[in-house]
All heavy atoms as atom14 arrays in JSON, in Angstrom:
{
  "sequence": "VSDYDIALLEMEMPVFFSELVQPICLPSTSRI",
  "atom14_mask": [
    [1, 1, 1, 1, 1, 1, 1, 0, 0, 0, 0, 0, 0, 0],
    [1, 1, 1, 1, 1, 1, 0, 0, 0, 0, 0, 0, 0, 0],
    [1, 1, 1, 1, 1, 1, 1, 1, 0, 0, 0, 0, 0, 0],
    [1, 1, 1, 1, 1, 1, 1, 1, 1, 1, 1, 1, 0, 0],
    [1, 1, 1, 1, 1, 1, 1, 1, 0, 0, 0, 0, 0, 0],
    [1, 1, 1, 1, 1, 1, 1, 1, 0, 0, 0, 0, 0, 0],
    [1, 1, 1, 1, 1, 0, 0, 0, 0, 0, 0, 0, 0, 0],
    [1, 1, 1, 1, 1, 1, 1, 1, 0, 0, 0, 0, 0, 0],
    [1, 1, 1, 1, 1, 1, 1, 1, 0, 0, 0, 0, 0, 0],
    [1, 1, 1, 1, 1, 1, 1, 1, 1, 0, 0, 0, 0, 0],
    [1, 1, 1, 1, 1, 1, 1, 1, 0, 0, 0, 0, 0, 0],
    [1, 1, 1, 1, 1, 1, 1, 1, 1, 0, 0, 0, 0, 0],
    [1, 1, 1, 1, 1, 1, 1, 1, 0, 0, 0, 0, 0, 0],
    [1, 1, 1, 1, 1, 1, 1, 0, 0, 0, 0, 0, 0, 0],
    [1, 1, 1, 1, 1, 1, 1, 0, 0, 0, 0, 0, 0, 0],
    [1, 1, 1, 1, 1, 1, 1, 1, 1, 1, 1, 0, 0, 0],
    [1, 1, 1, 1, 1, 1, 1, 1, 1, 1, 1, 0, 0, 0],
    [1, 1, 1, 1, 1, 1, 0, 0, 0, 0, 0, 0, 0, 0],
    [1, 1, 1, 1, 1, 1, 1, 1, 1, 0, 0, 0, 0, 0],
    [1, 1, 1, 1, 1, 1, 1, 1, 0, 0, 0, 0, 0, 0],
    [1, 1, 1, 1, 1, 1, 1, 0, 0, 0, 0, 0, 0, 0],
    [1, 1, 1, 1, 1, 1, 1, 1, 1, 0, 0, 0, 0, 0],
    [1, 1, 1, 1, 1, 1, 1, 0, 0, 0, 0, 0, 0, 0],
    [1, 1, 1, 1, 1, 1, 1, 1, 0, 0, 0, 0, 0, 0],
    [1, 1, 1, 1, 1, 1, 0, 0, 0, 0, 0, 0, 0, 0],
    [1, 1, 1, 1, 1, 1, 1, 1, 0, 0, 0, 0, 0, 0],
    [1, 1, 1, 1, 1, 1, 1, 0, 0, 0, 0, 0, 0, 0],
    [1, 1, 1, 1, 1, 1, 0, 0, 0, 0, 0, 0, 0, 0],
    [1, 1, 1, 1, 1, 1, 1, 0, 0, 0, 0, 0, 0, 0],
    [1, 1, 1, 1, 1, 1, 0, 0, 0, 0, 0, 0, 0, 0],
    [1, 1, 1, 1, 1, 1, 1, 1, 1, 1, 1, 0, 0, 0],
    [1, 1, 1, 1, 1, 1, 1, 1, 0, 0, 0, 0, 0, 0]
  ],
  "atom14_positions": [
    [[10.09, 6.27, -19.88], [10.86, 7.06, -18.91], [10.57, 6.66, -17.47], [11.0, 7.32, -16.53], [10.59, 8.58, -19.1], [11.25, 9.1, -20.36], [9.11, 8.89, -19.09], [0.0, 0.0, 0.0], [0.0, 0.0, 0.0], [0.0, 0.0, 0.0], [0.0, 0.0, 0.0], [0.0, 0.0, 0.0], [0.0, 0.0, 0.0], [0.0, 0.0, 0.0]],
    [[9.8, 5.56, -17.28], [9.45, 5.05, -15.94], [8.7, 6.07, -15.09], [8.82, 6.07, -13.87], [10.7, 4.59, -15.18], [11.35, 3.58, -15.89], [0.0, 0.0, 0.0], [0.0, 0.0, 0.0], [0.0, 0.0, 0.0], [0.0, 0.0, 0.0], [0.0, 0.0, 0.0], [0.0, 0.0, 0.0], [0.0, 0.0, 0.0], [0.0, 0.0, 0.0]],
    [[7.93, 6.95, -15.74], [7.15, 7.92, -14.97], [5.8, 7.3, -14.58], [5.29, 6.44, -15.28], [6.93, 9.19, -15.82], [6.7, 10.42, -14.97], [6.72, 10.31, -13.72], [6.5, 11.51, -15.55], [0.0, 0.0, 0.0], [0.0, 0.0, 0.0], [0.0, 0.0, 0.0], [0.0, 0.0, 0.0], [0.0, 0.0, 0.0], [0.0, 0.0, 0.0]],
    [[5.23, 7.76, -13.46], [3.96, 7.23, -12.94], [4.05, 5.71, -12.74], [3.12, 4.97, -13.08], [2.8, 7.56, -13.88], [2.49, 9.04, -13.98], [3.12, 9.85, -14.94], [1.57, 9.65, -13.12], [2.85, 11.22, -15.03], [1.3, 11.01, -13.21], [1.93, 11.78, -14.17], [1.66, 13.12, -14.25], [0.0, 0.0, 0.0], [0.0, 0.0, 0.0]],
    [[5.18, 5.25, -12.21], [5.43, 3.81, -12.08], [4.78, 3.27, -10.81], [5.45, 3.01, -9.81], [6.95, 3.56, -12.07], [7.3, 2.08, -12.19], [6.38, 1.28, -12.45], [8.48, 1.73, -12.02], [0.0, 0.0, 0.0], [0.0, 0.0, 0.0], [0.0, 0.0, 0.0], [0.0, 0.0, 0.0], [0.0, 0.0, 0.0], [0.0, 0.0, 0.0]],
    [[3.46, 3.12, -10.86], [2.71, 2.68, -9.67], [1.51, 1.85, -10.12], [0.92, 2.12, -11.18], [2.27, 3.89, -8.8], [1.61, 3.43, -7.48], [1.36, 4.85, -9.56], [1.4, 4.56, -6.49], [0.0, 0.0, 0.0], [0.0, 0.0, 0.0], [0.0, 0.0, 0.0], [0.0, 0.0, 0.0], [0.0, 0.0, 0.0], [0.0, 0.0, 0.0]],
    [[1.18, 0.83, -9.34], [0.01, 0.0, -9.61], [-0.61, -0.43, -8.3], [0.09, -0.6, -7.29], [0.41, -1.23, -10.43], [0.0, 0.0, 0.0], [0.0, 0.0, 0.0], [0.0, 0.0, 0.0], [0.0, 0.0, 0.0], [0.0, 0.0, 0.0], [0.0, 0.0, 0.0], [0.0, 0.0, 0.0], [0.0, 0.0, 0.0], [0.0, 0.0, 0.0]],
    [[-1.93, -0.59, -8.31], [-2.66, -1.09, -7.13], [-3.15, -2.49, -7.42], [-3.57, -2.79, -8.54], [-3.86, -0.18, -6.84], [-3.52, 1.22, -6.34], [-4.72, 2.14, -6.47], [-3.04, 1.16, -4.89], [0.0, 0.0, 0.0], [0.0, 0.0, 0.0], [0.0, 0.0, 0.0], [0.0, 0.0, 0.0], [0.0, 0.0, 0.0], [0.0, 0.0, 0.0]],
    [[-3.09, -3.36, -6.41], [-3.56, -4.73, -6.57], [-4.63, -5.02, -5.54], [-4.39, -4.84, -4.34], [-2.4, -5.72, -6.38], [-1.39, -5.79, -7.52], [-0.35, -4.69, -7.36], [-0.69, -7.13, -7.55], [0.0, 0.0, 0.0], [0.0, 0.0, 0.0], [0.0, 0.0, 0.0], [0.0, 0.0, 0.0], [0.0, 0.0, 0.0], [0.0, 0.0, 0.0]],
    [[-5.79, -5.43, -6.03], [-6.86, -5.8, -5.11], [-6.82, -7.31, -4.89], [-6.8, -8.08, -5.84], [-8.23, -5.4, -5.67], [-9.35, -5.64, -4.69], [-10.72, -5.22, -5.2], [-10.86, -4.89, -6.39], [-11.65, -5.22, -4.37], [0.0, 0.0, 0.0], [0.0, 0.0, 0.0], [0.0, 0.0, 0.0], [0.0, 0.0, 0.0], [0.0, 0.0, 0.0]],
    [[-6.81, -7.7, -3.62], [-6.75, -9.13, -3.3], [-8.15, -9.74, -3.36], [-9.14, -9.07, -3.09], [-6.14, -9.34, -1.92], [-4.69, -8.92, -1.86], [-3.93, -9.23, -0.25], [-4.26, -7.71, 0.63], [0.0, 0.0, 0.0], [0.0, 0.0, 0.0], [0.0, 0.0, 0.0], [0.0, 0.0, 0.0], [0.0, 0.0, 0.0], [0.0, 0.0, 0.0]],
    [[-8.2, -11.01, -3.72], [-9.47, -11.73, -3.87], [-10.25, -11.73, -2.55], [-11.46, -11.59, -2.53], [-9.17, -13.17, -4.3], [-10.34, -13.9, -4.9], [-10.71, -13.42, -6.29], [-9.93, -13.6, -7.24], [-11.81, -12.87, -6.42], [0.0, 0.0, 0.0], [0.0, 0.0, 0.0], [0.0, 0.0, 0.0], [0.0, 0.0, 0.0], [0.0, 0.0, 0.0]],
    [[-9.52, -11.9, -1.44], [-10.15, -11.92, -0.12], [-9.31, -11.06, 0.82], [-8.1, -10.97, 0.65], [-10.19, -13.36, 0.43], [-11.27, -14.19, -0.21], [-11.18, -15.96, 0.13], [-10.1, -16.14, 1.49], [0.0, 0.0, 0.0], [0.0, 0.0, 0.0], [0.0, 0.0, 0.0], [0.0, 0.0, 0.0], [0.0, 0.0, 0.0], [0.0, 0.0, 0.0]],
    [[-9.96, -10.45, 1.84], [-9.17, -9.62, 2.76], [-8.15, -10.47, 3.51], [-8.35, -11.66, 3.72], [-10.2, -9.07, 3.74], [-11.54, -9.45, 3.23], [-11.37, -10.5, 2.19], [0.0, 0.0, 0.0], [0.0, 0.0, 0.0], [0.0, 0.0, 0.0], [0.0, 0.0, 0.0], [0.0, 0.0, 0.0], [0.0, 0.0, 0.0], [0.0, 0.0, 0.0]],
    [[-7.05, -9.85, 3.92], [-6.04, -10.54, 4.7], [-6.25, -10.15, 6.16], [-6.73, -9.05, 6.45], [-4.61, -10.17, 4.21], [-4.28, -8.71, 4.48], [-3.56, -11.08, 4.81], [0.0, 0.0, 0.0], [0.0, 0.0, 0.0], [0.0, 0.0, 0.0], [0.0, 0.0, 0.0], [0.0, 0.0, 0.0], [0.0, 0.0, 0.0], [0.0, 0.0, 0.0]],
    [[-5.96, -11.06, 7.07], [-6.13, -10.76, 8.49], [-4.81, -10.27, 9.06], [-3.77, -10.9, 8.85], [-6.62, -12.0, 9.24], [-7.93, -12.5, 8.71], [-8.0, -13.61, 7.88], [-9.11, -11.81, 8.99], [-9.21, -14.04, 7.35], [-10.33, -12.23, 8.47], [-10.38, -13.34, 7.65], [0.0, 0.0, 0.0], [0.0, 0.0, 0.0], [0.0, 0.0, 0.0]],
    [[-4.84, -9.15, 9.75], [-3.61, -8.6, 10.3], [-3.17, -9.4, 11.52], [-3.99, -9.93, 12.26], [-3.79, -7.12, 10.65], [-4.07, -6.26, 9.45], [-4.92, -5.16, 9.53], [-3.49, -6.55, 8.22], [-5.18, -4.38, 8.42], [-3.73, -5.76, 7.11], [-4.59, -4.69, 7.21], [0.0, 0.0, 0.0], [0.0, 0.0, 0.0], [0.0, 0.0, 0.0]],
    [[-1.86, -9.51, 11.68], [-1.28, -10.31, 12.76], [0.07, -9.69, 13.1], [0.42, -8.63, 12.58], [-1.07, -11.74, 12.26], [-0.09, -11.73, 11.22], [0.0, 0.0, 0.0], [0.0, 0.0, 0.0], [0.0, 0.0, 0.0], [0.0, 0.0, 0.0], [0.0, 0.0, 0.0], [0.0, 0.0, 0.0], [0.0, 0.0, 0.0], [0.0, 0.0, 0.0]],
    [[0.84, -10.37, 13.94], [2.19, -9.89, 14.25], [3.03, -9.75, 12.98], [3.88, -8.89, 12.88], [2.91, -10.92, 15.14], [2.76, -10.67, 16.61], [3.57, -11.68, 17.39], [4.78, -11.81, 17.13], [2.99, -12.35, 18.25], [0.0, 0.0, 0.0], [0.0, 0.0, 0.0], [0.0, 0.0, 0.0], [0.0, 0.0, 0.0], [0.0, 0.0, 0.0]],
    [[2.78, -10.65, 11.99], [3.63, -10.68, 10.81], [3.05, -9.93, 9.61], [3.73, -9.74, 8.61], [3.89, -12.14, 10.4], [4.64, -13.01, 11.41], [4.89, -14.39, 10.85], [5.95, -12.35, 11.82], [0.0, 0.0, 0.0], [0.0, 0.0, 0.0], [0.0, 0.0, 0.0], [0.0, 0.0, 0.0], [0.0, 0.0, 0.0], [0.0, 0.0, 0.0]],
    [[1.77, -9.54, 9.67], [1.13, -8.84, 8.55], [0.44, -7.58, 9.07], [-0.48, -7.67, 9.87], [0.09, -9.73, 7.82], [-0.5, -9.0, 6.62], [0.71, -11.05, 7.38], [0.0, 0.0, 0.0], [0.0, 0.0, 0.0], [0.0, 0.0, 0.0], [0.0, 0.0, 0.0], [0.0, 0.0, 0.0], [0.0, 0.0, 0.0], [0.0, 0.0, 0.0]],
    [[0.94, -6.42, 8.64], [0.38, -5.13, 9.05], [0.45, -4.17, 7.87], [1.34, -4.27, 7.04], [1.2, -4.52, 10.21], [1.04, -5.22, 11.54], [-0.33, -4.97, 12.17], [-0.86, -3.86, 12.1], [-0.9, -6.01, 12.75], [0.0, 0.0, 0.0], [0.0, 0.0, 0.0], [0.0, 0.0, 0.0], [0.0, 0.0, 0.0], [0.0, 0.0, 0.0]],
    [[-0.47, -3.18, 7.8], [-0.37, -2.19, 6.73], [0.63, -1.09, 7.09], [0.82, -0.78, 8.27], [-1.8, -1.61, 6.68], [-2.29, -1.73, 8.1], [-1.64, -2.96, 8.68], [0.0, 0.0, 0.0], [0.0, 0.0, 0.0], [0.0, 0.0, 0.0], [0.0, 0.0, 0.0], [0.0, 0.0, 0.0], [0.0, 0.0, 0.0], [0.0, 0.0, 0.0]],
    [[1.25, -0.5, 6.08], [2.11, 0.66, 6.3], [1.24, 1.91, 6.17], [0.15, 1.85, 5.59], [3.28, 0.68, 5.27], [4.4, 1.61, 5.73], [2.77, 1.05, 3.87], [5.69, 1.47, 4.91], [0.0, 0.0, 0.0], [0.0, 0.0, 0.0], [0.0, 0.0, 0.0], [0.0, 0.0, 0.0], [0.0, 0.0, 0.0], [0.0, 0.0, 0.0]],
    [[1.67, 3.04, 6.71], [0.91, 4.3, 6.57], [1.22, 4.93, 5.21], [2.37, 4.9, 4.77], [1.29, 5.29, 7.65], [0.95, 4.73, 9.33], [0.0, 0.0, 0.0], [0.0, 0.0, 0.0], [0.0, 0.0, 0.0], [0.0, 0.0, 0.0], [0.0, 0.0, 0.0], [0.0, 0.0, 0.0], [0.0, 0.0, 0.0], [0.0, 0.0, 0.0]],
    [[0.2, 5.51, 4.61], [0.41, 6.26, 3.36], [0.69, 7.72, 3.72], [-0.04, 8.3, 4.52], [-0.85, 6.21, 2.49], [-1.14, 4.9, 1.78], [-2.47, 5.0, 1.05], [-0.03, 4.56, 0.79], [0.0, 0.0, 0.0], [0.0, 0.0, 0.0], [0.0, 0.0, 0.0], [0.0, 0.0, 0.0], [0.0, 0.0, 0.0], [0.0, 0.0, 0.0]],
    [[1.72, 8.32, 3.15], [2.0, 9.73, 3.45], [1.06, 10.63, 2.65], [0.86, 10.42, 1.47], [3.45, 9.91, 2.98], [3.63, 8.89, 1.91], [2.68, 7.75, 2.19], [0.0, 0.0, 0.0], [0.0, 0.0, 0.0], [0.0, 0.0, 0.0], [0.0, 0.0, 0.0], [0.0, 0.0, 0.0], [0.0, 0.0, 0.0], [0.0, 0.0, 0.0]],
    [[0.46, 11.62, 3.31], [-0.43, 12.54, 2.6], [0.4, 13.42, 1.67], [1.63, 13.51, 1.8], [-1.21, 13.4, 3.58], [-0.31, 14.26, 4.26], [0.0, 0.0, 0.0], [0.0, 0.0, 0.0], [0.0, 0.0, 0.0], [0.0, 0.0, 0.0], [0.0, 0.0, 0.0], [0.0, 0.0, 0.0], [0.0, 0.0, 0.0], [0.0, 0.0, 0.0]],
    [[-0.29, 14.08, 0.74], [0.37, 14.89, -0.3], [1.34, 15.92, 0.29], [2.36, 16.25, -0.31], [-0.71, 15.63, -1.11], [-1.74, 14.7, -1.4], [-0.17, 16.18, -2.41], [0.0, 0.0, 0.0], [0.0, 0.0, 0.0], [0.0, 0.0, 0.0], [0.0, 0.0, 0.0], [0.0, 0.0, 0.0], [0.0, 0.0, 0.0], [0.0, 0.0, 0.0]],
    [[1.0, 16.41, 1.51], [1.8, 17.5, 2.08], [2.98, 16.99, 2.92], [3.76, 17.77, 3.43], [0.92, 18.37, 2.98], [0.47, 17.6, 4.09], [0.0, 0.0, 0.0], [0.0, 0.0, 0.0], [0.0, 0.0, 0.0], [0.0, 0.0, 0.0], [0.0, 0.0, 0.0], [0.0, 0.0, 0.0], [0.0, 0.0, 0.0], [0.0, 0.0, 0.0]],
    [[3.09, 15.68, 3.06], [4.15, 15.16, 3.94], [5.54, 15.44, 3.38], [5.77, 15.33, 2.19], [3.98, 13.66, 4.17], [4.88, 13.19, 5.29], [4.53, 11.83, 5.82], [5.23, 11.66, 7.08], [4.74, 11.97, 8.26], [3.52, 12.43, 8.35], [5.46, 11.84, 9.34], [0.0, 0.0, 0.0], [0.0, 0.0, 0.0], [0.0, 0.0, 0.0]],
    [[6.46, 15.82, 4.26], [7.81, 16.16, 3.82], [8.79, 15.14, 4.4], [8.79, 14.87, 5.61], [8.2, 17.57, 4.35], [7.22, 18.63, 3.83], [9.62, 17.94, 3.96], [7.13, 19.87, 4.71], [0.0, 0.0, 0.0], [0.0, 0.0, 0.0], [0.0, 0.0, 0.0], [0.0, 0.0, 0.0], [0.0, 0.0, 0.0], [0.0, 0.0, 0.0]]
  ]
}
């Protein structure tokens, strides 16, 4: 039923943030 369709991937080495690579914000449980 495609429920709980989520996976986390750990990278072998950290990535360096730049103009082209940035993290997105995670919404907290209460976010609407």
